[in-house]
């Protein structure tokens, strides 16, 4: 895992994102004194989610109506929604 301060990650954000996507790097960003965050590619995230969800849950997903985006945590498609 690569570790960066918030300031360094912000300065190099484009390169960090490129590395996360192309090299499947995992990046930790520290925001002292706040909690750190971890960046990983959507493909890696999807793979982790897929492998950590029991098979029985997949069946209930297909029979349930899709949740409204407003009720799904972290479903923001725009930073404008966050501020």
C-alpha atoms as a PDB file:
ATOM      1  CA  UNK A   1       0.000   0.000   0.000  1.00  0.00           C
ATOM      2  CA  UNK A   2       1.251   3.443  -0.905  1.00  0.00           C
ATOM      3  CA  UNK A   3       0.897   6.090   1.805  1.00  0.00           C
ATOM      4  CA  UNK A   4       0.517   9.808   1.162  1.00  0.00           C
ATOM      5  CA  UNK A   5      -0.394  12.839   3.177  1.00  0.00           C
ATOM      6  CA  UNK A   6      -3.500  14.679   2.034  1.00  0.00           C
ATOM      7  CA  UNK A   7      -1.377  17.524   0.692  1.00  0.00           C
ATOM      8  CA  UNK A   8       0.907  15.243  -1.345  1.00  0.00           C
ATOM      9  CA  UNK A   9      -2.028  13.236  -2.681  1.00  0.00           C
ATOM     10  CA  UNK A  10      -3.753  16.421  -3.784  1.00  0.00           C
ATOM     11  CA  UNK A  11      -0.628  17.667  -5.581  1.00  0.00           C
ATOM     12  CA  UNK A  12      -0.256  14.322  -7.405  1.00  0.00           C
ATOM     13  CA  UNK A  13      -3.896  13.302  -7.688  1.00  0.00           C
ATOM     14  CA  UNK A  14      -3.924  12.590 -11.431  1.00  0.00           C
ATOM     15  CA  UNK A  15      -0.823  10.378 -11.203  1.00  0.00           C
ATOM     16  CA  UNK A  16      -2.199   8.579  -8.147  1.00  0.00           C
ATOM     17  CA  UNK A  17      -5.461   7.821  -9.940  1.00  0.00           C
ATOM     18  CA  UNK A  18      -3.556   6.575 -12.990  1.00  0.00           C
ATOM     19  CA  UNK A  19      -1.504   4.215 -10.796  1.00  0.00           C
ATOM     20  CA  UNK A  20      -4.558   3.001  -8.925  1.00  0.00           C
ATOM     21  CA  UNK A  21      -6.290   2.120 -12.196  1.00  0.00           C
ATOM     22  CA  UNK A  22      -3.419   0.804 -14.330  1.00  0.00           C
ATOM     23  CA  UNK A  23      -1.200  -0.805 -11.683  1.00  0.00           C
ATOM     24  CA  UNK A  24      -3.970  -1.766  -9.249  1.00  0.00           C
ATOM     25  CA  UNK A  25      -2.131   0.186  -6.569  1.00  0.00           C
ATOM     26  CA  UNK A  26      -3.862   0.776  -3.254  1.00  0.00           C
ATOM     27  CA  UNK A  27      -3.279   4.268  -1.880  1.00  0.00           C
ATOM     28  CA  UNK A  28      -3.814   5.417   1.687  1.00  0.00           C
ATOM     29  CA  UNK A  29      -4.314   9.148   2.212  1.00  0.00           C
ATOM     30  CA  UNK A  30      -3.828  10.437   5.749  1.00  0.00           C
ATOM     31  CA  UNK A  31      -5.807  13.470   6.853  1.00  0.00           C
ATOM     32  CA  UNK A  32      -4.507  14.036  10.338  1.00  0.00           C
ATOM     33  CA  UNK A  33      -6.247  14.426  12.712  1.00  0.00           C
ATOM     34  CA  UNK A  34      -9.162  13.073  10.672  1.00  0.00           C
ATOM     35  CA  UNK A  35      -9.585   9.458   9.601  1.00  0.00           C
ATOM     36  CA  UNK A  36      -7.540   8.262   6.616  1.00  0.00           C
ATOM     37  CA  UNK A  37      -9.068   7.102   3.343  1.00  0.00           C
ATOM     38  CA  UNK A  38      -8.047   4.385   0.905  1.00  0.00           C
ATOM     39  CA  UNK A  39      -8.215   4.619  -2.876  1.00  0.00           C
ATOM     40  CA  UNK A  40      -8.549   1.547  -5.066  1.00  0.00           C
ATOM     41  CA  UNK A  41      -9.781   0.964  -8.608  1.00  0.00           C
ATOM     42  CA  UNK A  42     -13.455   0.294  -9.248  1.00  0.00           C
ATOM     43  CA  UNK A  43     -12.516  -3.102 -10.717  1.00  0.00           C
ATOM     44  CA  UNK A  44     -10.654  -4.017  -7.518  1.00  0.00           C
ATOM     45  CA  UNK A  45     -13.503  -2.696  -5.371  1.00  0.00           C
ATOM     46  CA  UNK A  46     -16.081  -4.681  -7.373  1.00  0.00           C
ATOM     47  CA  UNK A  47     -13.945  -7.804  -7.037  1.00  0.00           C
ATOM     48  CA  UNK A  48     -13.698  -7.379  -3.262  1.00  0.00           C
ATOM     49  CA  UNK A  49     -17.427  -6.758  -2.954  1.00  0.00           C
ATOM     50  CA  UNK A  50     -18.231  -9.769  -5.134  1.00  0.00           C
ATOM     51  CA  UNK A  51     -16.035 -12.090  -3.107  1.00  0.00           C
ATOM     52  CA  UNK A  52     -17.305 -10.844   0.269  1.00  0.00           C
ATOM     53  CA  UNK A  53     -21.054 -11.149  -0.392  1.00  0.00           C
ATOM     54  CA  UNK A  54     -22.659 -14.527   0.320  1.00  0.00           C
ATOM     55  CA  UNK A  55     -24.309 -16.222  -2.673  1.00  0.00           C
ATOM     56  CA  UNK A  56     -27.724 -16.068  -0.935  1.00  0.00           C
ATOM     57  CA  UNK A  57     -27.565 -12.264  -1.030  1.00  0.00           C
ATOM     58  CA  UNK A  58     -27.256 -12.267  -4.821  1.00  0.00           C
ATOM     59  CA  UNK A  59     -30.610 -14.052  -5.128  1.00  0.00           C
ATOM     60  CA  UNK A  60     -32.361 -11.479  -2.951  1.00  0.00           C
ATOM     61  CA  UNK A  61     -30.844  -8.653  -5.023  1.00  0.00           C
ATOM     62  CA  UNK A  62     -32.372 -10.010  -8.228  1.00  0.00           C
ATOM     63  CA  UNK A  63     -35.844 -10.318  -6.663  1.00  0.00           C
ATOM     64  CA  UNK A  64     -35.781  -6.936  -4.900  1.00  0.00           C
ATOM     65  CA  UNK A  65     -36.493  -3.633  -6.555  1.00  0.00           C
ATOM     66  CA  UNK A  66     -33.417  -1.470  -7.007  1.00  0.00           C
ATOM     67  CA  UNK A  67     -32.944   1.023  -4.162  1.00  0.00           C
ATOM     68  CA  UNK A  68     -33.399   4.694  -4.981  1.00  0.00           C
ATOM     69  CA  UNK A  69     -30.025   6.435  -5.432  1.00  0.00           C
ATOM     70  CA  UNK A  70     -30.902   8.918  -2.694  1.00  0.00           C
ATOM     71  CA  UNK A  71     -31.102   6.060  -0.188  1.00  0.00           C
ATOM     72  CA  UNK A  72     -27.845   4.385  -1.163  1.00  0.00           C
ATOM     73  CA  UNK A  73     -24.880   5.624   0.889  1.00  0.00           C
ATOM     74  CA  UNK A  74     -22.062   7.146  -1.117  1.00  0.00           C
ATOM     75  CA  UNK A  75     -23.971   7.049  -4.393  1.00  0.00           C
ATOM     76  CA  UNK A  76     -22.989  10.603  -5.300  1.00  0.00           C
ATOM     77  CA  UNK A  77     -22.321  11.144  -8.971  1.00  0.00           C
ATOM     78  CA  UNK A  78     -21.245  14.741  -8.523  1.00  0.00           C
ATOM     79  CA  UNK A  79     -19.108  16.515  -5.964  1.00  0.00           C
ATOM     80  CA  UNK A  80     -21.778  19.232  -5.919  1.00  0.00           C
ATOM     81  CA  UNK A  81     -23.943  16.827  -3.897  1.00  0.00           C
ATOM     82  CA  UNK A  82     -21.299  16.664  -1.173  1.00  0.00           C
ATOM     83  CA  UNK A  83     -21.009  20.359  -0.362  1.00  0.00           C
END
